[in-house]
Amino acid sequence: MRALLEAFQFLTIIPLGKSRKGRSLGQTMVFFPLVGFTLGLLLVLVLSLIHISEPTRPLYISYAVFCLK
């Protein structure tokens, strides 16, 4: 579990506690694909929430056309 947290800390700027100098990078490298998948999943979830919350474009176009009439 500690190697997973150190992999997150190595690949991001999130401080997750003190890093032990004795642990080799090879032990944490096993978790790099899992960390990348987790970060990608979080990014997709955040972007999908932004996409759902923003108003749709046809409303702006119809409002602009309404103002021109």
Protein backbone atom coordinates (compact mmCIF):
# COMPACT_ATOMS: atom_id res chain seq x y z
CA MET A 1 0.00 0.00 0.00
CA ARG A 2 2.87 2.35 0.78
CA ALA A 3 4.36 1.79 -2.67
CA LEU A 4 1.03 2.81 -4.26
CA LEU A 5 0.97 6.06 -2.26
CA GLU A 6 4.58 6.76 -3.22
CA ALA A 7 3.69 6.17 -6.88
CA PHE A 8 0.88 8.75 -6.59
CA GLN A 9 3.28 11.16 -4.94
CA PHE A 10 5.93 10.60 -7.62
CA LEU A 11 3.55 11.11 -10.57
CA THR A 12 1.60 14.05 -9.12
CA ILE A 13 2.28 17.03 -6.89
CA ILE A 14 0.02 15.67 -4.17
CA PRO A 15 1.98 15.30 -0.91
CA LEU A 16 0.94 11.99 0.63
CA GLY A 17 3.34 11.81 3.53
CA LYS A 18 7.06 11.39 3.87
CA SER A 19 8.79 9.51 1.12
CA ARG A 20 11.21 6.85 2.27
CA LYS A 21 14.58 7.14 0.58
CA GLY A 22 15.32 3.42 0.92
CA ARG A 23 12.50 2.28 -1.36
CA SER A 24 13.65 1.86 -4.92
CA LEU A 25 11.73 3.36 -7.80
CA GLY A 26 11.28 -0.14 -9.21
CA GLN A 27 8.96 -1.10 -6.36
CA THR A 28 6.70 1.86 -7.01
CA MET A 29 6.92 1.56 -10.80
CA VAL A 30 4.59 -1.43 -10.69
CA PHE A 31 1.75 0.90 -9.66
CA PHE A 32 2.33 3.56 -12.37
CA PRO A 33 -0.38 2.14 -14.73
CA LEU A 34 -2.90 2.05 -11.88
CA VAL A 35 -2.07 5.63 -10.90
CA GLY A 36 -2.40 6.78 -14.52
CA PHE A 37 -5.74 5.01 -14.91
CA THR A 38 -7.06 6.53 -11.67
CA LEU A 39 -5.98 10.05 -12.64
CA GLY A 40 -7.51 9.64 -16.11
CA LEU A 41 -10.77 8.41 -14.62
CA LEU A 42 -10.93 11.39 -12.27
CA LEU A 43 -10.27 13.75 -15.16
CA VAL A 44 -13.06 12.20 -17.24
CA LEU A 45 -15.49 12.44 -14.33
CA VAL A 46 -14.68 16.10 -13.68
CA LEU A 47 -14.93 17.01 -17.37
CA SER A 48 -18.23 15.15 -17.73
CA LEU A 49 -19.64 17.09 -14.76
CA ILE A 50 -18.55 20.35 -16.37
CA HIS A 51 -20.12 19.30 -19.66
CA ILE A 52 -23.42 18.41 -17.97
CA SER A 53 -23.57 21.66 -16.02
CA GLU A 54 -22.88 24.05 -18.88
CA PRO A 55 -25.83 25.33 -20.89
CA THR A 56 -26.28 24.07 -24.41
CA ARG A 57 -25.36 26.17 -27.43
CA PRO A 58 -28.77 26.21 -29.19
CA LEU A 59 -30.18 28.32 -26.34
CA TYR A 60 -27.64 31.05 -27.04
CA ILE A 61 -28.27 30.91 -30.77
CA SER A 62 -32.04 31.04 -30.38
CA TYR A 63 -31.72 33.94 -27.94
CA ALA A 64 -29.50 35.83 -30.37
CA VAL A 65 -31.92 35.21 -33.24
CA PHE A 66 -34.81 36.34 -31.02
CA CYS A 67 -33.02 39.62 -30.27
CA LEU A 68 -32.42 40.30 -33.94
CA LYS A 69 -36.11 39.99 -34.88
